[in-house]
């Protein structure tokens, strides 16, 4: 099991070298300008971007390492404050605190990181 975790961590770290996350210090809130002119990404691309964000949050010790093994439970387009966004939800039953078992990752339709939190708001 440790070998698998080491392998996953190595893979994750190699992915992180290619991630460019503008505003990566903002893990909560929707106070960003969503008027990006990026072309919309597919649902699959949004899911992959959200997984990379989860990996980054684990690396920055904002999430425990068990999140690295979790895949997206759902993904949908929502409208927040009049702006369409991707909402990707991850569920980790390994987390002891029931209030922190669901992680909500918000992305622009272009796939850019907006926020991540446990409230979904």
C-alpha atoms as a PDB file:
ATOM      1  CA  UNK A   1       0.000   0.000   0.000  1.00  0.00           C
ATOM      2  CA  UNK A   2       2.855   2.381   0.831  1.00  0.00           C
ATOM      3  CA  UNK A   3       4.361   1.721  -2.590  1.00  0.00           C
ATOM      4  CA  UNK A   4       1.048   2.666  -4.211  1.00  0.00           C
ATOM      5  CA  UNK A   5       0.859   5.867  -2.171  1.00  0.00           C
ATOM      6  CA  UNK A   6       4.451   6.747  -3.086  1.00  0.00           C
ATOM      7  CA  UNK A   7       3.702   6.057  -6.743  1.00  0.00           C
ATOM      8  CA  UNK A   8       0.548   8.198  -6.623  1.00  0.00           C
ATOM      9  CA  UNK A   9       2.404  10.985  -4.845  1.00  0.00           C
ATOM     10  CA  UNK A  10       5.162  10.909  -7.469  1.00  0.00           C
ATOM     11  CA  UNK A  11       2.580  11.005 -10.258  1.00  0.00           C
ATOM     12  CA  UNK A  12       0.770  13.861  -8.538  1.00  0.00           C
ATOM     13  CA  UNK A  13       3.941  15.868  -8.114  1.00  0.00           C
ATOM     14  CA  UNK A  14       4.795  15.412 -11.787  1.00  0.00           C
ATOM     15  CA  UNK A  15       1.330  16.711 -12.688  1.00  0.00           C
ATOM     16  CA  UNK A  16       1.814  19.718 -10.452  1.00  0.00           C
ATOM     17  CA  UNK A  17       4.843  20.834 -12.415  1.00  0.00           C
ATOM     18  CA  UNK A  18       2.532  21.464 -15.379  1.00  0.00           C
ATOM     19  CA  UNK A  19      -0.242  23.177 -13.418  1.00  0.00           C
ATOM     20  CA  UNK A  20      -0.610  26.906 -13.637  1.00  0.00           C
ATOM     21  CA  UNK A  21      -3.214  28.057 -11.162  1.00  0.00           C
ATOM     22  CA  UNK A  22      -3.753  31.800 -11.138  1.00  0.00           C
ATOM     23  CA  UNK A  23      -4.949  32.867  -7.745  1.00  0.00           C
ATOM     24  CA  UNK A  24      -4.043  29.550  -6.145  1.00  0.00           C
ATOM     25  CA  UNK A  25      -3.968  31.201  -2.729  1.00  0.00           C
ATOM     26  CA  UNK A  26      -7.747  31.606  -2.848  1.00  0.00           C
ATOM     27  CA  UNK A  27      -9.330  28.399  -1.640  1.00  0.00           C
ATOM     28  CA  UNK A  28     -12.686  29.900  -0.684  1.00  0.00           C
ATOM     29  CA  UNK A  29     -15.145  32.377  -2.103  1.00  0.00           C
ATOM     30  CA  UNK A  30     -16.452  33.553  -5.440  1.00  0.00           C
ATOM     31  CA  UNK A  31     -14.992  37.049  -5.419  1.00  0.00           C
ATOM     32  CA  UNK A  32     -13.026  36.585  -8.635  1.00  0.00           C
ATOM     33  CA  UNK A  33     -13.591  38.050 -12.063  1.00  0.00           C
ATOM     34  CA  UNK A  34     -15.243  35.256 -14.053  1.00  0.00           C
ATOM     35  CA  UNK A  35     -15.199  37.148 -17.322  1.00  0.00           C
ATOM     36  CA  UNK A  36     -12.383  35.065 -18.734  1.00  0.00           C
ATOM     37  CA  UNK A  37     -12.475  34.665 -22.472  1.00  0.00           C
ATOM     38  CA  UNK A  38     -11.272  31.042 -22.321  1.00  0.00           C
ATOM     39  CA  UNK A  39     -13.210  28.671 -24.498  1.00  0.00           C
ATOM     40  CA  UNK A  40     -15.386  26.305 -22.455  1.00  0.00           C
ATOM     41  CA  UNK A  41     -13.773  22.989 -21.603  1.00  0.00           C
ATOM     42  CA  UNK A  42     -15.466  19.603 -21.744  1.00  0.00           C
ATOM     43  CA  UNK A  43     -16.924  17.967 -18.664  1.00  0.00           C
ATOM     44  CA  UNK A  44     -14.030  15.476 -18.698  1.00  0.00           C
ATOM     45  CA  UNK A  45     -11.422  18.280 -18.864  1.00  0.00           C
ATOM     46  CA  UNK A  46     -13.131  20.093 -15.982  1.00  0.00           C
ATOM     47  CA  UNK A  47     -13.042  16.866 -13.951  1.00  0.00           C
ATOM     48  CA  UNK A  48      -9.314  16.439 -14.670  1.00  0.00           C
ATOM     49  CA  UNK A  49      -8.604  20.067 -13.707  1.00  0.00           C
ATOM     50  CA  UNK A  50     -10.527  19.624 -10.449  1.00  0.00           C
ATOM     51  CA  UNK A  51      -8.531  16.464  -9.651  1.00  0.00           C
ATOM     52  CA  UNK A  52      -5.303  18.429 -10.185  1.00  0.00           C
ATOM     53  CA  UNK A  53      -6.594  21.106  -7.804  1.00  0.00           C
ATOM     54  CA  UNK A  54      -7.323  18.466  -5.161  1.00  0.00           C
ATOM     55  CA  UNK A  55      -3.748  17.190  -5.599  1.00  0.00           C
ATOM     56  CA  UNK A  56      -2.402  20.721  -5.185  1.00  0.00           C
ATOM     57  CA  UNK A  57      -4.464  21.212  -2.001  1.00  0.00           C
ATOM     58  CA  UNK A  58      -3.029  17.961  -0.594  1.00  0.00           C
ATOM     59  CA  UNK A  59       0.490  19.103  -1.472  1.00  0.00           C
ATOM     60  CA  UNK A  60      -0.156  22.426   0.280  1.00  0.00           C
ATOM     61  CA  UNK A  61      -1.499  20.427   3.273  1.00  0.00           C
ATOM     62  CA  UNK A  62      -4.979  21.970   2.985  1.00  0.00           C
ATOM     63  CA  UNK A  63      -6.393  18.430   2.552  1.00  0.00           C
ATOM     64  CA  UNK A  64      -5.240  15.115   3.990  1.00  0.00           C
ATOM     65  CA  UNK A  65      -3.458  12.675   1.660  1.00  0.00           C
ATOM     66  CA  UNK A  66      -6.434  10.267   1.441  1.00  0.00           C
ATOM     67  CA  UNK A  67      -7.996  12.759  -1.025  1.00  0.00           C
ATOM     68  CA  UNK A  68      -5.397  11.703  -3.623  1.00  0.00           C
ATOM     69  CA  UNK A  69      -7.230   8.388  -4.034  1.00  0.00           C
ATOM     70  CA  UNK A  70     -10.676   9.949  -4.544  1.00  0.00           C
ATOM     71  CA  UNK A  71     -12.259  10.494  -7.967  1.00  0.00           C
ATOM     72  CA  UNK A  72     -15.018  12.966  -8.701  1.00  0.00           C
ATOM     73  CA  UNK A  73     -18.451  11.825  -7.530  1.00  0.00           C
ATOM     74  CA  UNK A  74     -20.309  14.317  -9.727  1.00  0.00           C
ATOM     75  CA  UNK A  75     -19.781  17.206 -12.104  1.00  0.00           C
ATOM     76  CA  UNK A  76     -22.334  19.705 -13.341  1.00  0.00           C
ATOM     77  CA  UNK A  77     -22.734  23.176 -14.765  1.00  0.00           C
ATOM     78  CA  UNK A  78     -24.232  25.592 -12.261  1.00  0.00           C
ATOM     79  CA  UNK A  79     -24.877  29.329 -12.167  1.00  0.00           C
ATOM     80  CA  UNK A  80     -23.320  31.262  -9.293  1.00  0.00           C
ATOM     81  CA  UNK A  81     -23.997  34.977  -8.984  1.00  0.00           C
ATOM     82  CA  UNK A  82     -25.284  34.993 -12.558  1.00  0.00           C
ATOM     83  CA  UNK A  83     -22.155  33.321 -13.958  1.00  0.00           C
ATOM     84  CA  UNK A  84     -22.057  29.763 -15.320  1.00  0.00           C
ATOM     85  CA  UNK A  85     -19.438  27.533 -13.658  1.00  0.00           C
ATOM     86  CA  UNK A  86     -18.409  23.915 -13.324  1.00  0.00           C
ATOM     87  CA  UNK A  87     -19.053  22.316  -9.930  1.00  0.00           C
ATOM     88  CA  UNK A  88     -17.085  19.128  -9.255  1.00  0.00           C
ATOM     89  CA  UNK A  89     -17.891  17.212  -6.059  1.00  0.00           C
ATOM     90  CA  UNK A  90     -15.540  14.726  -4.390  1.00  0.00           C
ATOM     91  CA  UNK A  91     -16.688  12.460  -1.528  1.00  0.00           C
ATOM     92  CA  UNK A  92     -14.119  10.964   0.859  1.00  0.00           C
ATOM     93  CA  UNK A  93     -15.638   8.626   3.464  1.00  0.00           C
ATOM     94  CA  UNK A  94     -12.159   8.140   4.980  1.00  0.00           C
ATOM     95  CA  UNK A  95     -12.358  11.602   6.587  1.00  0.00           C
ATOM     96  CA  UNK A  96     -13.436  11.350  10.234  1.00  0.00           C
ATOM     97  CA  UNK A  97     -15.271  14.704  10.285  1.00  0.00           C
ATOM     98  CA  UNK A  98     -18.572  14.116   8.445  1.00  0.00           C
ATOM     99  CA  UNK A  99     -18.791  17.849   7.621  1.00  0.00           C
ATOM    100  CA  UNK A 100     -15.538  17.554   5.632  1.00  0.00           C
ATOM    101  CA  UNK A 101     -16.265  14.401   3.626  1.00  0.00           C
ATOM    102  CA  UNK A 102     -17.653  16.346   0.624  1.00  0.00           C
ATOM    103  CA  UNK A 103     -15.314  18.699  -1.204  1.00  0.00           C
ATOM    104  CA  UNK A 104     -16.776  21.146  -3.726  1.00  0.00           C
ATOM    105  CA  UNK A 105     -14.431  22.475  -6.425  1.00  0.00           C
ATOM    106  CA  UNK A 106     -15.630  25.420  -8.527  1.00  0.00           C
ATOM    107  CA  UNK A 107     -14.137  26.153 -11.964  1.00  0.00           C
ATOM    108  CA  UNK A 108     -14.883  28.655 -14.686  1.00  0.00           C
ATOM    109  CA  UNK A 109     -16.407  27.137 -17.822  1.00  0.00           C
ATOM    110  CA  UNK A 110     -12.900  27.533 -19.249  1.00  0.00           C
ATOM    111  CA  UNK A 111     -11.636  25.137 -16.572  1.00  0.00           C
ATOM    112  CA  UNK A 112      -9.862  27.707 -14.387  1.00  0.00           C
ATOM    113  CA  UNK A 113      -9.861  27.338 -10.611  1.00  0.00           C
ATOM    114  CA  UNK A 114     -12.242  29.590  -8.664  1.00  0.00           C
ATOM    115  CA  UNK A 115     -12.633  28.040  -5.221  1.00  0.00           C
ATOM    116  CA  UNK A 116     -12.789  24.841  -3.175  1.00  0.00           C
ATOM    117  CA  UNK A 117     -14.686  24.325   0.066  1.00  0.00           C
ATOM    118  CA  UNK A 118     -16.735  21.894   2.130  1.00  0.00           C
ATOM    119  CA  UNK A 119     -19.958  23.944   2.067  1.00  0.00           C
ATOM    120  CA  UNK A 120     -20.780  24.012  -1.633  1.00  0.00           C
ATOM    121  CA  UNK A 121     -21.383  27.757  -1.478  1.00  0.00           C
END
